[in-house]
Amino acid sequence: CVEQTASPHGNSFHDPSIDEFKTLNAVRTRFAKDAFLIILLLQEDLNMTNVTNPKKVERRVVLCVEDDDALRSLLGTTLRNTGFTVTEAATCAEAKRAVQKGMPVLAILDVDLPDGDGFNLAIQLRQTGQDSLPILIISGQEFLTCKQKAQQLSVKFLPKPCGPLTLLTAVNSLAGVSSFDE
């Protein structure tokens, strides 16, 4: 149902379903972040020590680009607890500066960043001469759209929320690390 409303500039039409969609999308995004944070906070109860063999990932740097401070910190902690070295960035600009200092073995990129998006950042990182850099896109945005964009760029996509085991399985696979102690 489209409502006609009066405005100072004449009559205009407003579709209330657009507002409802925006509200539902905001709630879904917030829920995804909250659920992901809760899952990561519970990781210690899952005895994550056996997920990765730390001896095999020494000096393996993962670039983690996430603008949500708490989520970025939890992602970094999860990866550090399993033996990875993590370089954290909150923006595309910070990520590019980090890559100039040393190329990671893997980049984890959020889609919505304050100064760009993870898909464009993935293209830019690959254009630095590292076209084989494994990239993992994580997002709470529309699943099919993100998955299709990720496939077009030949990068892996994980929807938020995802559990720490799912995250680590993807990271280990992309970084070429054995997932479990031998």
C-alpha atoms as a PDB file:
ATOM      1  CA  CYS A   1       0.000   0.000   0.000  1.00  0.00           C
ATOM      2  CA  VAL A   2       1.435   3.364  -1.006  1.00  0.00           C
ATOM      3  CA  GLU A   3       0.417   6.429   0.989  1.00  0.00           C
ATOM      4  CA  GLN A   4       0.117   9.866  -0.525  1.00  0.00           C
ATOM      5  CA  THR A   5       1.504  12.559   1.771  1.00  0.00           C
ATOM      6  CA  ALA A   6       1.626  16.294   1.491  1.00  0.00           C
ATOM      7  CA  SER A   7       5.008  17.961   1.557  1.00  0.00           C
ATOM      8  CA  PRO A   8       6.199  21.560   1.174  1.00  0.00           C
ATOM      9  CA  HIS A   9       7.274  20.655  -2.355  1.00  0.00           C
ATOM     10  CA  GLY A  10       3.928  19.216  -3.420  1.00  0.00           C
ATOM     11  CA  ASN A  11       2.406  15.786  -3.049  1.00  0.00           C
ATOM     12  CA  SER A  12       4.693  12.805  -2.789  1.00  0.00           C
ATOM     13  CA  PHE A  13       4.201   9.113  -2.447  1.00  0.00           C
ATOM     14  CA  HIS A  14       5.608   7.076   0.418  1.00  0.00           C
ATOM     15  CA  ASP A  15       5.727   3.316   0.594  1.00  0.00           C
ATOM     16  CA  PRO A  16       5.543   2.278   4.277  1.00  0.00           C
ATOM     17  CA  SER A  17       6.954  -1.142   3.378  1.00  0.00           C
ATOM     18  CA  ILE A  18      10.301   0.575   2.659  1.00  0.00           C
ATOM     19  CA  ASP A  19      10.442   1.872   6.248  1.00  0.00           C
ATOM     20  CA  GLU A  20       9.441  -1.551   7.519  1.00  0.00           C
ATOM     21  CA  PHE A  21      12.176  -3.165   5.397  1.00  0.00           C
ATOM     22  CA  LYS A  22      14.800  -0.703   6.691  1.00  0.00           C
ATOM     23  CA  THR A  23      13.729  -1.322  10.295  1.00  0.00           C
ATOM     24  CA  LEU A  24      13.775  -5.100   9.849  1.00  0.00           C
ATOM     25  CA  ASN A  25      17.172  -4.931   8.140  1.00  0.00           C
ATOM     26  CA  ALA A  26      18.592  -2.809  10.990  1.00  0.00           C
ATOM     27  CA  VAL A  27      17.215  -5.253  13.579  1.00  0.00           C
ATOM     28  CA  ARG A  28      18.582  -8.232  11.633  1.00  0.00           C
ATOM     29  CA  THR A  29      22.015  -6.611  11.333  1.00  0.00           C
ATOM     30  CA  ARG A  30      22.114  -5.773  15.059  1.00  0.00           C
ATOM     31  CA  PHE A  31      20.950  -9.312  15.905  1.00  0.00           C
ATOM     32  CA  ALA A  32      23.651 -10.784  13.660  1.00  0.00           C
ATOM     33  CA  LYS A  33      26.348  -8.714  15.396  1.00  0.00           C
ATOM     34  CA  ASP A  34      25.040  -9.572  18.860  1.00  0.00           C
ATOM     35  CA  ALA A  35      24.778 -13.279  18.066  1.00  0.00           C
ATOM     36  CA  PHE A  36      28.283 -13.334  16.584  1.00  0.00           C
ATOM     37  CA  LEU A  37      29.670 -11.605  19.683  1.00  0.00           C
ATOM     38  CA  ILE A  38      27.931 -14.045  22.005  1.00  0.00           C
ATOM     39  CA  ILE A  39      29.225 -17.027  20.051  1.00  0.00           C
ATOM     40  CA  LEU A  40      32.769 -15.696  20.159  1.00  0.00           C
ATOM     41  CA  LEU A  41      32.509 -14.951  23.871  1.00  0.00           C
ATOM     42  CA  LEU A  42      31.568 -18.577  24.471  1.00  0.00           C
ATOM     43  CA  GLN A  43      34.588 -19.900  22.589  1.00  0.00           C
ATOM     44  CA  GLU A  44      36.572 -20.610  25.745  1.00  0.00           C
ATOM     45  CA  ASP A  45      33.842 -23.027  26.825  1.00  0.00           C
ATOM     46  CA  LEU A  46      34.382 -24.904  23.557  1.00  0.00           C
ATOM     47  CA  ASN A  47      38.048 -25.663  24.379  1.00  0.00           C
ATOM     48  CA  MET A  48      39.375 -23.999  21.241  1.00  0.00           C
ATOM     49  CA  THR A  49      42.941 -25.111  21.925  1.00  0.00           C
ATOM     50  CA  ASN A  50      42.646 -28.122  19.614  1.00  0.00           C
ATOM     51  CA  VAL A  51      41.208 -26.256  16.612  1.00  0.00           C
ATOM     52  CA  THR A  52      44.566 -25.285  15.135  1.00  0.00           C
ATOM     53  CA  ASN A  53      48.075 -26.501  15.615  1.00  0.00           C
ATOM     54  CA  PRO A  54      49.858 -23.284  16.763  1.00  0.00           C
ATOM     55  CA  LYS A  55      53.236 -24.673  15.685  1.00  0.00           C
ATOM     56  CA  LYS A  56      52.066 -24.657  12.074  1.00  0.00           C
ATOM     57  CA  VAL A  57      50.819 -21.053  12.049  1.00  0.00           C
ATOM     58  CA  GLU A  58      53.728 -19.251  13.656  1.00  0.00           C
ATOM     59  CA  ARG A  59      54.288 -15.881  11.985  1.00  0.00           C
ATOM     60  CA  ARG A  60      51.220 -16.383   9.775  1.00  0.00           C
ATOM     61  CA  VAL A  61      49.654 -12.957   9.651  1.00  0.00           C
ATOM     62  CA  VAL A  62      45.925 -12.497   9.097  1.00  0.00           C
ATOM     63  CA  LEU A  63      44.605  -9.034   8.258  1.00  0.00           C
ATOM     64  CA  CYS A  64      41.243  -8.522   9.982  1.00  0.00           C
ATOM     65  CA  VAL A  65      39.278  -5.512   8.699  1.00  0.00           C
ATOM     66  CA  GLU A  66      36.131  -4.819  10.735  1.00  0.00           C
ATOM     67  CA  ASP A  67      34.799  -1.405  11.764  1.00  0.00           C
ATOM     68  CA  ASP A  68      32.954  -2.662  14.855  1.00  0.00           C
ATOM     69  CA  ASP A  69      35.595  -2.395  17.610  1.00  0.00           C
ATOM     70  CA  ALA A  70      34.180  -5.165  19.801  1.00  0.00           C
ATOM     71  CA  LEU A  71      33.718  -7.580  16.923  1.00  0.00           C
ATOM     72  CA  ARG A  72      37.177  -6.833  15.502  1.00  0.00           C
ATOM     73  CA  SER A  73      38.703  -7.455  18.920  1.00  0.00           C
ATOM     74  CA  LEU A  74      36.853 -10.762  19.318  1.00  0.00           C
ATOM     75  CA  LEU A  75      37.833 -11.918  15.827  1.00  0.00           C
ATOM     76  CA  GLY A  76      41.445 -11.011  16.592  1.00  0.00           C
ATOM     77  CA  THR A  77      41.337 -12.802  19.938  1.00  0.00           C
ATOM     78  CA  THR A  78      39.846 -15.919  18.360  1.00  0.00           C
ATOM     79  CA  LEU A  79      42.584 -16.040  15.738  1.00  0.00           C
ATOM     80  CA  ARG A  80      45.387 -15.238  18.211  1.00  0.00           C
ATOM     81  CA  ASN A  81      44.142 -17.954  20.571  1.00  0.00           C
ATOM     82  CA  THR A  82      44.665 -20.467  17.782  1.00  0.00           C
ATOM     83  CA  GLY A  83      48.170 -19.334  16.907  1.00  0.00           C
ATOM     84  CA  PHE A  84      47.745 -16.683  14.224  1.00  0.00           C
ATOM     85  CA  THR A  85      49.311 -13.247  14.291  1.00  0.00           C
ATOM     86  CA  VAL A  86      46.580 -10.690  13.600  1.00  0.00           C
ATOM     87  CA  THR A  87      46.820  -7.211  12.145  1.00  0.00           C
ATOM     88  CA  GLU A  88      43.606  -5.326  12.875  1.00  0.00           C
ATOM     89  CA  ALA A  89      42.155  -2.458  10.826  1.00  0.00           C
ATOM     90  CA  ALA A  90      38.885  -0.535  11.116  1.00  0.00           C
ATOM     91  CA  THR A  91      38.920   1.105   7.675  1.00  0.00           C
ATOM     92  CA  CYS A  92      40.024   0.480   4.109  1.00  0.00           C
ATOM     93  CA  ALA A  93      42.782   3.083   4.538  1.00  0.00           C
ATOM     94  CA  GLU A  94      44.155   1.327   7.637  1.00  0.00           C
ATOM     95  CA  ALA A  95      44.045  -2.005   5.801  1.00  0.00           C
ATOM     96  CA  LYS A  96      46.018  -0.614   2.852  1.00  0.00           C
ATOM     97  CA  ARG A  97      48.655   0.837   5.201  1.00  0.00           C
ATOM     98  CA  ALA A  98      48.930  -2.511   6.988  1.00  0.00           C
ATOM     99  CA  VAL A  99      49.457  -4.350   3.690  1.00  0.00           C
ATOM    100  CA  GLN A 100      52.228  -1.917   2.742  1.00  0.00           C
ATOM    101  CA  LYS A 101      54.073  -2.988   5.907  1.00  0.00           C
ATOM    102  CA  GLY A 102      53.783  -6.670   5.090  1.00  0.00           C
ATOM    103  CA  MET A 103      51.483  -8.922   3.108  1.00  0.00           C
ATOM    104  CA  PRO A 104      49.270 -11.205   5.197  1.00  0.00           C
ATOM    105  CA  VAL A 105      48.608 -14.848   4.344  1.00  0.00           C
ATOM    106  CA  LEU A 106      44.897 -14.080   4.462  1.00  0.00           C
ATOM    107  CA  ALA A 107      42.572 -11.062   4.659  1.00  0.00           C
ATOM    108  CA  ILE A 108      39.229 -11.115   6.485  1.00  0.00           C
ATOM    109  CA  LEU A 109      37.087  -8.209   5.328  1.00  0.00           C
ATOM    110  CA  ASP A 110      33.762  -6.861   6.530  1.00  0.00           C
ATOM    111  CA  VAL A 111      31.528  -5.506   3.773  1.00  0.00           C
ATOM    112  CA  ASP A 112      30.372  -2.242   5.351  1.00  0.00           C
ATOM    113  CA  LEU A 113      33.355  -0.067   6.237  1.00  0.00           C
ATOM    114  CA  PRO A 114      33.365   3.672   6.999  1.00  0.00           C
ATOM    115  CA  ASP A 115      35.463   4.570   3.951  1.00  0.00           C
ATOM    116  CA  GLY A 116      34.453   1.892   1.469  1.00  0.00           C
ATOM    117  CA  ASP A 117      33.331  -1.691   1.264  1.00  0.00           C
ATOM    118  CA  GLY A 118      35.048  -5.027   1.612  1.00  0.00           C
ATOM    119  CA  PHE A 119      34.394  -6.064  -1.979  1.00  0.00           C
ATOM    120  CA  ASN A 120      36.171  -3.036  -3.426  1.00  0.00           C
ATOM    121  CA  LEU A 121      38.936  -3.448  -0.852  1.00  0.00           C
ATOM    122  CA  ALA A 122      39.368  -7.057  -1.981  1.00  0.00           C
ATOM    123  CA  ILE A 123      39.854  -5.856  -5.570  1.00  0.00           C
ATOM    124  CA  GLN A 124      42.359  -3.205  -4.442  1.00  0.00           C
ATOM    125  CA  LEU A 125      44.337  -5.670  -2.304  1.00  0.00           C
ATOM    126  CA  ARG A 126      44.556  -8.075  -5.201  1.00  0.00           C
ATOM    127  CA  GLN A 127      45.795  -5.256  -7.460  1.00  0.00           C
ATOM    128  CA  THR A 128      48.821  -4.726  -5.202  1.00  0.00           C
ATOM    129  CA  GLY A 129      50.475  -7.607  -6.981  1.00  0.00           C
ATOM    130  CA  GLN A 130      49.011 -10.186  -4.617  1.00  0.00           C
ATOM    131  CA  ASP A 131      46.296 -11.541  -6.880  1.00  0.00           C
ATOM    132  CA  SER A 132      46.514 -14.907  -5.096  1.00  0.00           C
ATOM    133  CA  LEU A 133      45.859 -13.416  -1.632  1.00  0.00           C
ATOM    134  CA  PRO A 134      43.108 -15.522  -0.017  1.00  0.00           C
ATOM    135  CA  ILE A 135      40.222 -13.326   1.080  1.00  0.00           C
ATOM    136  CA  LEU A 136      37.322 -14.109   3.394  1.00  0.00           C
ATOM    137  CA  ILE A 137      34.377 -11.689   3.300  1.00  0.00           C
ATOM    138  CA  ILE A 138      32.152 -11.659   6.384  1.00  0.00           C
ATOM    139  CA  SER A 139      28.879  -9.776   6.545  1.00  0.00           C
ATOM    140  CA  GLY A 140      25.477  -9.602   8.141  1.00  0.00           C
ATOM    141  CA  GLN A 141      24.085  -8.150   4.916  1.00  0.00           C
ATOM    142  CA  GLU A 142      21.776  -9.912   2.479  1.00  0.00           C
ATOM    143  CA  PHE A 143      23.214 -13.412   2.099  1.00  0.00           C
ATOM    144  CA  LEU A 144      22.563 -14.135  -1.592  1.00  0.00           C
ATOM    145  CA  THR A 145      23.780 -10.737  -2.799  1.00  0.00           C
ATOM    146  CA  CYS A 146      27.025 -11.005  -0.814  1.00  0.00           C
ATOM    147  CA  LYS A 147      27.562 -14.620  -1.812  1.00  0.00           C
ATOM    148  CA  GLN A 148      27.136 -13.763  -5.504  1.00  0.00           C
ATOM    149  CA  LYS A 149      29.554 -10.822  -5.277  1.00  0.00           C
ATOM    150  CA  ALA A 150      32.052 -13.014  -3.426  1.00  0.00           C
ATOM    151  CA  GLN A 151      31.818 -15.697  -6.118  1.00  0.00           C
ATOM    152  CA  GLN A 152      32.350 -13.092  -8.851  1.00  0.00           C
ATOM    153  CA  LEU A 153      35.570 -12.006  -7.095  1.00  0.00           C
ATOM    154  CA  SER A 154      36.680 -15.576  -6.308  1.00  0.00           C
ATOM    155  CA  VAL A 155      36.669 -14.928  -2.566  1.00  0.00           C
ATOM    156  CA  LYS A 156      35.082 -16.948   0.233  1.00  0.00           C
ATOM    157  CA  PHE A 157      32.002 -15.576   1.989  1.00  0.00           C
ATOM    158  CA  LEU A 158      30.718 -16.268   5.493  1.00  0.00           C
ATOM    159  CA  PRO A 159      27.503 -14.755   6.798  1.00  0.00           C
ATOM    160  CA  LYS A 160      27.439 -13.175  10.249  1.00  0.00           C
ATOM    161  CA  PRO A 161      26.787 -14.590  12.691  1.00  0.00           C
ATOM    162  CA  CYS A 162      28.963 -17.630  12.340  1.00  0.00           C
ATOM    163  CA  GLY A 163      30.451 -19.731  15.067  1.00  0.00           C
ATOM    164  CA  PRO A 164      34.142 -19.702  15.892  1.00  0.00           C
ATOM    165  CA  LEU A 165      34.589 -23.235  14.537  1.00  0.00           C
ATOM    166  CA  THR A 166      33.082 -22.197  11.190  1.00  0.00           C
ATOM    167  CA  LEU A 167      35.295 -19.117  11.095  1.00  0.00           C
ATOM    168  CA  LEU A 168      38.439 -21.057  11.981  1.00  0.00           C
ATOM    169  CA  THR A 169      37.682 -23.830   9.508  1.00  0.00           C
ATOM    170  CA  ALA A 170      37.406 -21.239   6.723  1.00  0.00           C
ATOM    171  CA  VAL A 171      40.532 -19.375   7.889  1.00  0.00           C
ATOM    172  CA  ASN A 172      42.581 -22.569   8.181  1.00  0.00           C
ATOM    173  CA  SER A 173      41.459 -23.745   4.758  1.00  0.00           C
ATOM    174  CA  LEU A 174      42.274 -20.428   3.073  1.00  0.00           C
ATOM    175  CA  ALA A 175      45.582 -20.064   4.911  1.00  0.00           C
ATOM    176  CA  GLY A 176      46.603 -23.633   4.092  1.00  0.00           C
ATOM    177  CA  VAL A 177      46.818 -24.717   7.721  1.00  0.00           C
ATOM    178  CA  SER A 178      46.000 -28.131   9.144  1.00  0.00           C
ATOM    179  CA  SER A 179      42.848 -27.722  11.199  1.00  0.00           C
ATOM    180  CA  PHE A 180      43.636 -30.112  13.994  1.00  0.00           C
ATOM    181  CA  ASP A 181      46.639 -31.273  15.947  1.00  0.00           C
ATOM    182  CA  GLU A 182      48.359 -34.234  14.395  1.00  0.00           C
END
